[in-house]
PDB file of N, CA and C in Angstrom:
ATOM      1  N   MET A   1     -37.546 109.205 -13.590  1.00  0.00           N
ATOM      2  CA  MET A   1     -37.340 109.865 -12.361  1.00  0.00           C
ATOM      3  C   MET A   1     -36.413 109.037 -11.411  1.00  0.00           C
ATOM      4  N   THR A   2     -35.567 109.520 -10.600  1.00  0.00           N
ATOM      5  CA  THR A   2     -34.806 108.936  -9.726  1.00  0.00           C
ATOM      6  C   THR A   2     -35.347 108.820  -8.232  1.00  0.00           C
ATOM      7  N   LYS A   3     -35.390 107.781  -7.602  1.00  0.00           N
ATOM      8  CA  LYS A   3     -35.882 107.579  -6.250  1.00  0.00           C
ATOM      9  C   LYS A   3     -34.679 106.932  -5.456  1.00  0.00           C
ATOM     10  N   GLY A   4     -34.621 107.492  -4.323  1.00  0.00           N
ATOM     11  CA  GLY A   4     -33.589 106.900  -3.326  1.00  0.00           C
ATOM     12  C   GLY A   4     -34.124 105.696  -2.525  1.00  0.00           C
ATOM     13  N   VAL A   5     -33.096 104.753  -2.375  1.00  0.00           N
ATOM     14  CA  VAL A   5     -33.345 103.672  -1.330  1.00  0.00           C
ATOM     15  C   VAL A   5     -32.842 104.078  -0.037  1.00  0.00           C
ATOM     16  N   ILE A   6     -33.820 104.157   0.876  1.00  0.00           N
ATOM     17  CA  ILE A   6     -33.594 104.556   2.246  1.00  0.00           C
ATOM     18  C   ILE A   6     -33.568 103.299   3.202  1.00  0.00           C
ATOM     19  N   VAL A   7     -32.622 103.542   4.083  1.00  0.00           N
ATOM     20  CA  VAL A   7     -32.602 102.419   5.215  1.00  0.00           C
ATOM     21  C   VAL A   7     -33.756 102.799   6.155  1.00  0.00           C
ATOM     22  N   PRO A   8     -34.672 101.886   6.361  1.00  0.00           N
ATOM     23  CA  PRO A   8     -35.702 102.256   7.459  1.00  0.00           C
ATOM     24  C   PRO A   8     -35.359 101.733   8.700  1.00  0.00           C
ATOM     25  N   ARG A   9     -36.003 102.400   9.736  1.00  0.00           N
ATOM     26  CA  ARG A   9     -35.747 101.971  11.151  1.00  0.00           C
ATOM     27  C   ARG A   9     -36.302 100.486  11.133  1.00  0.00           C
ATOM     28  N   LEU A  10     -35.385  99.689  11.765  1.00  0.00           N
ATOM     29  CA  LEU A  10     -35.754  98.256  11.909  1.00  0.00           C
ATOM     30  C   LEU A  10     -36.154  97.672  13.249  1.00  0.00           C
ATOM     31  N   GLY A  11     -37.227  98.407  13.784  1.00  0.00           N
ATOM     32  CA  GLY A  11     -37.807  97.930  14.915  1.00  0.00           C
ATOM     33  C   GLY A  11     -37.521  98.877  16.094  1.00  0.00           C
ATOM     34  N   SER A  12     -38.573  99.122  16.982  1.00  0.00           N
ATOM     35  CA  SER A  12     -38.466 100.028  18.048  1.00  0.00           C
ATOM     36  C   SER A  12     -37.533  99.593  19.138  1.00  0.00           C
ATOM     37  N   SER A  13     -37.330  98.270  19.120  1.00  0.00           N
ATOM     38  CA  SER A  13     -36.522  97.755  20.350  1.00  0.00           C
ATOM     39  C   SER A  13     -35.006  97.929  19.982  1.00  0.00           C
ATOM     40  N   ASP A  14     -34.452  98.381  18.865  1.00  0.00           N
ATOM     41  CA  ASP A  14     -33.195  98.279  18.352  1.00  0.00           C
ATOM     42  C   ASP A  14     -32.660  99.741  19.050  1.00  0.00           C
ATOM     43  N   ASP A  15     -31.624  99.546  19.778  1.00  0.00           N
ATOM     44  CA  ASP A  15     -30.963 100.692  20.517  1.00  0.00           C
ATOM     45  C   ASP A  15     -29.895 101.425  19.593  1.00  0.00           C
ATOM     46  N   SER A  16     -29.486 100.783  18.575  1.00  0.00           N
ATOM     47  CA  SER A  16     -28.436 101.349  17.508  1.00  0.00           C
ATOM     48  C   SER A  16     -29.299 102.455  16.622  1.00  0.00           C
ATOM     49  N   ASP A  17     -28.386 103.376  16.251  1.00  0.00           N
ATOM     50  CA  ASP A  17     -28.996 104.355  15.319  1.00  0.00           C
ATOM     51  C   ASP A  17     -28.452 104.087  13.765  1.00  0.00           C
ATOM     52  N   GLU A  18     -27.658 103.059  13.712  1.00  0.00           N
ATOM     53  CA  GLU A  18     -26.932 102.851  12.384  1.00  0.00           C
ATOM     54  C   GLU A  18     -27.035 101.293  12.107  1.00  0.00           C
ATOM     55  N   VAL A  19     -26.809 100.966  10.745  1.00  0.00           N
ATOM     56  CA  VAL A  19     -26.782  99.553  10.319  1.00  0.00           C
ATOM     57  C   VAL A  19     -25.330  99.293   9.628  1.00  0.00           C
ATOM     58  N   LYS A  20     -24.887  98.261   9.550  1.00  0.00           N
ATOM     59  CA  LYS A  20     -23.555  97.756   8.665  1.00  0.00           C
ATOM     60  C   LYS A  20     -24.206  97.186   7.281  1.00  0.00           C
ATOM     61  N   ILE A  21     -23.671  97.730   6.173  1.00  0.00           N
ATOM     62  CA  ILE A  21     -24.018  97.145   4.992  1.00  0.00           C
ATOM     63  C   ILE A  21     -23.406  95.684   4.918  1.00  0.00           C
ATOM     64  N   LEU A  22     -24.079  94.646   4.742  1.00  0.00           N
ATOM     65  CA  LEU A  22     -23.441  93.475   4.719  1.00  0.00           C
ATOM     66  C   LEU A  22     -23.212  92.954   3.235  1.00  0.00           C
ATOM     67  N   ARG A  23     -24.079  93.085   2.262  1.00  0.00           N
ATOM     68  CA  ARG A  23     -24.066  92.560   1.008  1.00  0.00           C
ATOM     69  C   ARG A  23     -24.978  93.195   0.020  1.00  0.00           C
ATOM     70  N   TRP A  24     -24.561  93.591  -1.114  1.00  0.00           N
ATOM     71  CA  TRP A  24     -25.455  94.121  -2.206  1.00  0.00           C
ATOM     72  C   TRP A  24     -25.914  92.672  -2.934  1.00  0.00           C
ATOM     73  N   LEU A  25     -27.265  92.597  -3.232  1.00  0.00           N
ATOM     74  CA  LEU A  25     -27.723  91.629  -4.045  1.00  0.00           C
ATOM     75  C   LEU A  25     -27.935  92.030  -5.358  1.00  0.00           C
ATOM     76  N   LYS A  26     -27.885  93.259  -5.773  1.00  0.00           N
ATOM     77  CA  LYS A  26     -27.798  93.808  -7.109  1.00  0.00           C
ATOM     78  C   LYS A  26     -26.590  94.653  -7.316  1.00  0.00           C
ATOM     79  N   SER A  27     -26.402  94.974  -8.557  1.00  0.00           N
ATOM     80  CA  SER A  27     -25.247  95.779  -9.041  1.00  0.00           C
ATOM     81  C   SER A  27     -25.826  96.790  -9.927  1.00  0.00           C
ATOM     82  N   PRO A  28     -25.221  97.937  -9.910  1.00  0.00           N
ATOM     83  CA  PRO A  28     -25.590  99.158 -10.871  1.00  0.00           C
ATOM     84  C   PRO A  28     -25.812  98.525 -12.320  1.00  0.00           C
ATOM     85  N   GLY A  29     -27.030  99.039 -12.884  1.00  0.00           N
ATOM     86  CA  GLY A  29     -27.438  98.517 -14.152  1.00  0.00           C
ATOM     87  C   GLY A  29     -28.314  97.395 -14.204  1.00  0.00           C
ATOM     88  N   ASP A  30     -28.376  96.804 -13.046  1.00  0.00           N
ATOM     89  CA  ASP A  30     -29.505  95.740 -12.927  1.00  0.00           C
ATOM     90  C   ASP A  30     -31.020  96.222 -12.802  1.00  0.00           C
ATOM     91  N   GLU A  31     -31.924  95.640 -13.520  1.00  0.00           N
ATOM     92  CA  GLU A  31     -33.141  95.696 -13.211  1.00  0.00           C
ATOM     93  C   GLU A  31     -33.649  95.352 -11.828  1.00  0.00           C
ATOM     94  N   VAL A  32     -34.571  96.064 -11.230  1.00  0.00           N
ATOM     95  CA  VAL A  32     -35.143  95.549  -9.923  1.00  0.00           C
ATOM     96  C   VAL A  32     -36.619  95.818 -10.033  1.00  0.00           C
ATOM     97  N   LYS A  33     -37.257  95.011  -9.265  1.00  0.00           N
ATOM     98  CA  LYS A  33     -38.708  95.084  -9.120  1.00  0.00           C
ATOM     99  C   LYS A  33     -39.215  95.468  -7.681  1.00  0.00           C
ATOM    100  N   LYS A  34     -40.173  96.163  -7.532  1.00  0.00           N
ATOM    101  CA  LYS A  34     -40.672  96.562  -6.209  1.00  0.00           C
ATOM    102  C   LYS A  34     -40.819  95.473  -5.266  1.00  0.00           C
ATOM    103  N   GLY A  35     -40.158  95.510  -4.088  1.00  0.00           N
ATOM    104  CA  GLY A  35     -40.271  94.406  -3.094  1.00  0.00           C
ATOM    105  C   GLY A  35     -39.164  93.303  -3.129  1.00  0.00           C
ATOM    106  N   GLU A  36     -38.373  93.541  -4.268  1.00  0.00           N
ATOM    107  CA  GLU A  36     -37.235  92.662  -4.480  1.00  0.00           C
ATOM    108  C   GLU A  36     -36.111  92.959  -3.468  1.00  0.00           C
ATOM    109  N   GLY A  37     -35.360  92.044  -3.026  1.00  0.00           N
ATOM    110  CA  GLY A  37     -34.300  92.359  -2.169  1.00  0.00           C
ATOM    111  C   GLY A  37     -33.124  92.931  -2.894  1.00  0.00           C
ATOM    112  N   LEU A  38     -32.633  94.218  -2.237  1.00  0.00           N
ATOM    113  CA  LEU A  38     -31.578  94.834  -2.935  1.00  0.00           C
ATOM    114  C   LEU A  38     -30.198  94.583  -2.081  1.00  0.00           C
ATOM    115  N   LEU A  39     -30.348  94.614  -0.847  1.00  0.00           N
ATOM    116  CA  LEU A  39     -29.060  94.480  -0.029  1.00  0.00           C
ATOM    117  C   LEU A  39     -29.468  93.906   1.263  1.00  0.00           C
ATOM    118  N   GLU A  40     -28.383  93.311   2.053  1.00  0.00           N
ATOM    119  CA  GLU A  40     -28.575  92.987   3.453  1.00  0.00           C
ATOM    120  C   GLU A  40     -27.803  93.941   4.311  1.00  0.00           C
ATOM    121  N   VAL A  41     -28.448  94.215   5.320  1.00  0.00           N
ATOM    122  CA  VAL A  41     -27.896  95.032   6.505  1.00  0.00           C
ATOM    123  C   VAL A  41     -27.996  94.217   7.842  1.00  0.00           C
ATOM    124  N   GLU A  42     -27.047  94.738   8.673  1.00  0.00           N
ATOM    125  CA  GLU A  42     -27.155  94.082  10.057  1.00  0.00           C
ATOM    126  C   GLU A  42     -27.041  95.212  11.117  1.00  0.00           C
ATOM    127  N   THR A  43     -27.819  94.909  12.160  1.00  0.00           N
ATOM    128  CA  THR A  43     -27.913  95.749  13.353  1.00  0.00           C
ATOM    129  C   THR A  43     -27.395  95.099  14.416  1.00  0.00           C
ATOM    130  N   ASP A  44     -27.315  95.591  15.560  1.00  0.00           N
ATOM    131  CA  ASP A  44     -26.690  94.858  16.691  1.00  0.00           C
ATOM    132  C   ASP A  44     -27.542  93.481  17.073  1.00  0.00           C
ATOM    133  N   LYS A  45     -28.862  93.527  16.569  1.00  0.00           N
ATOM    134  CA  LYS A  45     -29.621  92.391  17.063  1.00  0.00           C
ATOM    135  C   LYS A  45     -30.043  91.547  15.770  1.00  0.00           C
ATOM    136  N   VAL A  46     -30.110  91.943  14.596  1.00  0.00           N
ATOM    137  CA  VAL A  46     -30.637  91.122  13.376  1.00  0.00           C
ATOM    138  C   VAL A  46     -29.999  91.547  12.056  1.00  0.00           C
ATOM    139  N   ASN A  47     -30.044  90.506  11.135  1.00  0.00           N
ATOM    140  CA  ASN A  47     -29.873  90.701   9.831  1.00  0.00           C
ATOM    141  C   ASN A  47     -31.155  90.858   8.974  1.00  0.00           C
ATOM    142  N   VAL A  48     -31.148  91.939   8.159  1.00  0.00           N
ATOM    143  CA  VAL A  48     -32.361  92.194   7.486  1.00  0.00           C
ATOM    144  C   VAL A  48     -32.108  92.484   6.000  1.00  0.00           C
ATOM    145  N   GLU A  49     -33.029  92.075   5.184  1.00  0.00           N
ATOM    146  CA  GLU A  49     -32.999  92.338   3.697  1.00  0.00           C
ATOM    147  C   GLU A  49     -33.711  93.641   3.421  1.00  0.00           C
ATOM    148  N   ILE A  50     -33.192  94.732   2.801  1.00  0.00           N
ATOM    149  CA  ILE A  50     -33.797  95.945   2.401  1.00  0.00           C
ATOM    150  C   ILE A  50     -34.406  95.744   0.885  1.00  0.00           C
ATOM    151  N   GLU A  51     -35.660  95.927   0.706  1.00  0.00           N
ATOM    152  CA  GLU A  51     -36.283  95.856  -0.685  1.00  0.00           C
ATOM    153  C   GLU A  51     -36.316  96.994  -1.453  1.00  0.00           C
ATOM    154  N   ALA A  52     -36.421  96.962  -2.735  1.00  0.00           N
ATOM    155  CA  ALA A  52     -36.602  97.877  -3.599  1.00  0.00           C
ATOM    156  C   ALA A  52     -37.941  98.628  -3.490  1.00  0.00           C
ATOM    157  N   PRO A  53     -38.017  99.963  -3.312  1.00  0.00           N
ATOM    158  CA  PRO A  53     -39.151 100.795  -3.298  1.00  0.00           C
ATOM    159  C   PRO A  53     -39.978 100.822  -4.542  1.00  0.00           C
ATOM    160  N   ASP A  54     -39.415 100.643  -5.725  1.00  0.00           N
ATOM    161  CA  ASP A  54     -40.128 100.804  -6.981  1.00  0.00           C
ATOM    162  C   ASP A  54     -39.384  99.840  -8.073  1.00  0.00           C
ATOM    163  N   ASP A  55     -40.290  99.634  -9.090  1.00  0.00           N
ATOM    164  CA  ASP A  55     -39.608  99.018 -10.228  1.00  0.00           C
ATOM    165  C   ASP A  55     -38.553 100.030 -10.786  1.00  0.00           C
ATOM    166  N   GLY A  56     -37.567  99.467 -11.532  1.00  0.00           N
ATOM    167  CA  GLY A  56     -36.684 100.234 -12.169  1.00  0.00           C
ATOM    168  C   GLY A  56     -35.140  99.754 -12.458  1.00  0.00           C
ATOM    169  N   VAL A  57     -34.161 100.688 -12.614  1.00  0.00           N
ATOM    170  CA  VAL A  57     -32.817 100.034 -12.789  1.00  0.00           C
ATOM    171  C   VAL A  57     -32.068 100.723 -11.749  1.00  0.00           C
ATOM    172  N   LEU A  58     -31.150  99.898 -11.080  1.00  0.00           N
ATOM    173  CA  LEU A  58     -30.410 100.427  -9.977  1.00  0.00           C
ATOM    174  C   LEU A  58     -29.244 101.241 -10.623  1.00  0.00           C
ATOM    175  N   LYS A  59     -29.305 102.517 -10.451  1.00  0.00           N
ATOM    176  CA  LYS A  59     -28.319 103.460 -11.200  1.00  0.00           C
ATOM    177  C   LYS A  59     -26.962 103.622 -10.343  1.00  0.00           C
ATOM    178  N   GLU A  60     -27.063 103.685  -8.982  1.00  0.00           N
ATOM    179  CA  GLU A  60     -25.974 103.961  -8.332  1.00  0.00           C
ATOM    180  C   GLU A  60     -25.985 103.491  -6.872  1.00  0.00           C
ATOM    181  N   ILE A  61     -24.902 102.825  -6.300  1.00  0.00           N
ATOM    182  CA  ILE A  61     -24.863 102.465  -4.929  1.00  0.00           C
ATOM    183  C   ILE A  61     -24.138 103.437  -4.258  1.00  0.00           C
ATOM    184  N   LYS A  62     -24.502 103.983  -3.118  1.00  0.00           N
ATOM    185  CA  LYS A  62     -23.884 105.060  -2.408  1.00  0.00           C
ATOM    186  C   LYS A  62     -23.205 104.592  -1.071  1.00  0.00           C
ATOM    187  N   ALA A  63     -23.413 103.460  -0.884  1.00  0.00           N
ATOM    188  CA  ALA A  63     -22.749 102.788   0.522  1.00  0.00           C
ATOM    189  C   ALA A  63     -22.085 101.547   0.136  1.00  0.00           C
ATOM    190  N   ARG A  64     -20.903 101.234   0.509  1.00  0.00           N
ATOM    191  CA  ARG A  64     -20.110 100.083   0.136  1.00  0.00           C
ATOM    192  C   ARG A  64     -20.453  98.908   1.008  1.00  0.00           C
ATOM    193  N   GLU A  65     -20.255  97.750   0.783  1.00  0.00           N
ATOM    194  CA  GLU A  65     -20.223  96.564   1.912  1.00  0.00           C
ATOM    195  C   GLU A  65     -19.271  96.902   2.980  1.00  0.00           C
ATOM    196  N   GLY A  66     -19.699  96.842   4.173  1.00  0.00           N
ATOM    197  CA  GLY A  66     -18.815  97.063   5.331  1.00  0.00           C
ATOM    198  C   GLY A  66     -19.033  98.369   5.854  1.00  0.00           C
ATOM    199  N   ASP A  67     -19.602  99.228   5.174  1.00  0.00           N
ATOM    200  CA  ASP A  67     -19.880 100.795   5.590  1.00  0.00           C
ATOM    201  C   ASP A  67     -21.022 100.629   6.647  1.00  0.00           C
ATOM    202  N   PHE A  68     -20.961 101.486   7.569  1.00  0.00           N
ATOM    203  CA  PHE A  68     -21.875 101.807   8.552  1.00  0.00           C
ATOM    204  C   PHE A  68     -22.710 103.045   8.254  1.00  0.00           C
ATOM    205  N   VAL A  69     -24.050 102.999   8.097  1.00  0.00           N
ATOM    206  CA  VAL A  69     -24.960 103.952   7.645  1.00  0.00           C
ATOM    207  C   VAL A  69     -26.110 104.319   8.653  1.00  0.00           C
ATOM    208  N   LYS A  70     -26.464 105.433   8.813  1.00  0.00           N
ATOM    209  CA  LYS A  70     -27.555 105.899   9.788  1.00  0.00           C
ATOM    210  C   LYS A  70     -28.934 105.361   9.134  1.00  0.00           C
ATOM    211  N   PHE A  71     -29.910 105.121  10.014  1.00  0.00           N
ATOM    212  CA  PHE A  71     -31.254 104.944   9.476  1.00  0.00           C
ATOM    213  C   PHE A  71     -31.595 106.166   8.708  1.00  0.00           C
ATOM    214  N   SER A  72     -32.513 105.996   7.687  1.00  0.00           N
ATOM    215  CA  SER A  72     -33.074 107.144   6.973  1.00  0.00           C
ATOM    216  C   SER A  72     -31.956 107.528   5.935  1.00  0.00           C
ATOM    217  N   ALA A  73     -30.709 107.039   5.863  1.00  0.00           N
ATOM    218  CA  ALA A  73     -29.661 107.391   4.749  1.00  0.00           C
ATOM    219  C   ALA A  73     -30.140 106.853   3.527  1.00  0.00           C
ATOM    220  N   VAL A  74     -29.818 107.404   2.491  1.00  0.00           N
ATOM    221  CA  VAL A  74     -30.131 107.130   1.105  1.00  0.00           C
ATOM    222  C   VAL A  74     -28.745 106.289   0.755  1.00  0.00           C
ATOM    223  N   VAL A  75     -28.987 104.967   0.308  1.00  0.00           N
ATOM    224  CA  VAL A  75     -27.883 104.124   0.115  1.00  0.00           C
ATOM    225  C   VAL A  75     -27.719 103.778  -1.287  1.00  0.00           C
ATOM    226  N   ALA A  76     -28.723 103.963  -2.137  1.00  0.00           N
ATOM    227  CA  ALA A  76     -28.727 103.747  -3.651  1.00  0.00           C
ATOM    228  C   ALA A  76     -29.736 104.649  -4.231  1.00  0.00           C
ATOM    229  N   LEU A  77     -29.596 104.697  -5.583  1.00  0.00           N
ATOM    230  CA  LEU A  77     -30.583 105.396  -6.449  1.00  0.00           C
ATOM    231  C   LEU A  77     -31.060 104.370  -7.522  1.00  0.00           C
ATOM    232  N   ILE A  78     -32.404 104.572  -7.628  1.00  0.00           N
ATOM    233  CA  ILE A  78     -33.184 103.686  -8.663  1.00  0.00           C
ATOM    234  C   ILE A  78     -33.836 104.582  -9.624  1.00  0.00           C
ATOM    235  N   GLU A  79     -33.487 104.327 -10.879  1.00  0.00           N
ATOM    236  CA  GLU A  79     -34.280 105.126 -11.999  1.00  0.00           C
ATOM    237  C   GLU A  79     -35.526 104.396 -12.323  1.00  0.00           C
ATOM    238  N   THR A  80     -36.603 105.101 -12.116  1.00  0.00           N
ATOM    239  CA  THR A  80     -37.892 104.673 -12.521  1.00  0.00           C
ATOM    240  C   THR A  80     -38.513 105.257 -13.721  1.00  0.00           C
ATOM    241  N   ALA A  81     -39.365 104.424 -14.131  1.00  0.00           N
ATOM    242  CA  ALA A  81     -40.180 104.863 -15.354  1.00  0.00           C
ATOM    243  C   ALA A  81     -41.270 106.157 -15.286  1.00  0.00           C
ATOM    244  N   GLY A  82     -41.654 106.444 -14.036  1.00  0.00           N
ATOM    245  CA  GLY A  82     -42.581 107.349 -13.900  1.00  0.00           C
ATOM    246  C   GLY A  82     -42.020 108.431 -12.912  1.00  0.00           C
TER     247      GLY A  82
END
């Protein structure tokens, strides 16, 4: 099964509705564990690490470093066992 990695809203005090992708910590084909850092994003107030939602293999990255994406955007796909 394929599961999307979604950018969560990063705090109610953040006035922006998008984040900047700073750095990917994993590459397509890498195994990932639930809770493990996948990428770093930047808002106008903080830098945050986004974690893998499930165990699996990172299949596809949909947003490149330097891209701006909206909260709730799917930025990657993980192939899970179940």
